[in-house]
């Protein structure tokens, strides 16, 4: 099972995920990223709409990006 990393970008700042998470595929990794977003929202993160999650492989190649605010229910 591949390991995916979920880096959090806020403008020019990048907070790197040093551990990653094992997921069966990129679609599941996207669901993990959305779950992290929901947890951040539940913790009261009001800046969530400005952040982007970059999903990368073990070599650091960006496989997908998720605009956190774009997936929030209105």
Protein backbone atom coordinates (compact mmCIF):
# COMPACT_ATOMS: atom_id res chain seq x y z
CA UNK A 1 0.00 0.00 0.00
CA UNK A 2 1.48 3.39 -0.94
CA UNK A 3 2.24 6.14 1.56
CA UNK A 4 0.85 9.60 0.86
CA UNK A 5 1.89 12.84 2.54
CA UNK A 6 -0.48 15.71 3.29
CA UNK A 7 1.33 19.05 3.30
CA UNK A 8 -0.61 22.14 4.36
CA UNK A 9 0.03 25.28 2.32
CA UNK A 10 -1.02 28.76 3.48
CA UNK A 11 0.20 31.20 0.86
CA UNK A 12 3.98 30.93 0.70
CA UNK A 13 4.17 28.88 3.91
CA UNK A 14 4.29 25.09 3.69
CA UNK A 15 3.79 22.88 6.72
CA UNK A 16 5.21 19.47 5.78
CA UNK A 17 3.71 16.16 6.84
CA UNK A 18 6.75 14.18 7.95
CA UNK A 19 4.98 10.86 8.55
CA UNK A 20 2.35 10.38 5.85
CA UNK A 21 -0.47 7.90 5.82
CA UNK A 22 -0.90 4.59 4.06
CA UNK A 23 -3.83 4.65 1.62
CA UNK A 24 -4.90 2.19 -1.03
CA UNK A 25 -5.01 4.88 -3.73
CA UNK A 26 -5.18 8.61 -4.42
CA UNK A 27 -8.97 8.70 -4.07
CA UNK A 28 -8.73 7.38 -0.52
CA UNK A 29 -5.92 9.85 0.18
CA UNK A 30 -8.28 12.65 -0.91
CA UNK A 31 -10.86 11.40 1.57
CA UNK A 32 -8.22 11.42 4.32
CA UNK A 33 -7.39 15.04 3.42
CA UNK A 34 -11.08 16.00 3.59
CA UNK A 35 -11.38 14.31 6.99
CA UNK A 36 -8.40 16.33 8.24
CA UNK A 37 -10.14 19.45 6.98
CA UNK A 38 -13.28 18.56 8.93
CA UNK A 39 -11.20 18.05 12.09
CA UNK A 40 -9.49 21.42 11.61
CA UNK A 41 -12.89 23.07 11.21
CA UNK A 42 -14.20 21.34 14.34
CA UNK A 43 -11.20 22.66 16.25
CA UNK A 44 -12.19 26.20 15.29
CA UNK A 45 -9.65 26.89 12.54
CA UNK A 46 -11.11 30.07 11.03
CA UNK A 47 -8.34 30.39 8.43
CA UNK A 48 -9.24 27.09 6.78
CA UNK A 49 -10.56 28.71 3.61
CA UNK A 50 -7.10 30.06 2.75
CA UNK A 51 -5.32 26.74 3.05
CA UNK A 52 -4.51 24.09 0.47
CA UNK A 53 -3.57 20.47 1.11
CA UNK A 54 -0.92 19.13 -1.24
CA UNK A 55 -1.01 15.35 -1.47
CA UNK A 56 2.39 13.97 -2.45
CA UNK A 57 4.01 10.60 -2.93
CA UNK A 58 7.17 9.43 -1.11
CA UNK A 59 9.33 11.16 -3.73
CA UNK A 60 7.65 14.51 -3.06
CA UNK A 61 5.73 14.66 -6.34
CA UNK A 62 2.47 16.58 -5.91
CA UNK A 63 -0.33 14.23 -6.98
CA UNK A 64 -3.30 16.41 -6.04
CA UNK A 65 -4.22 19.63 -4.32
CA UNK A 66 -7.35 20.29 -2.34
CA UNK A 67 -8.58 23.79 -1.58
CA UNK A 68 -9.93 23.22 1.90
CA UNK A 69 -12.56 25.94 1.84
CA UNK A 70 -13.98 24.73 -1.47
CA UNK A 71 -15.21 21.47 0.04
CA UNK A 72 -16.95 22.92 3.06
CA UNK A 73 -20.75 22.76 3.25
CA UNK A 74 -22.39 26.16 3.01
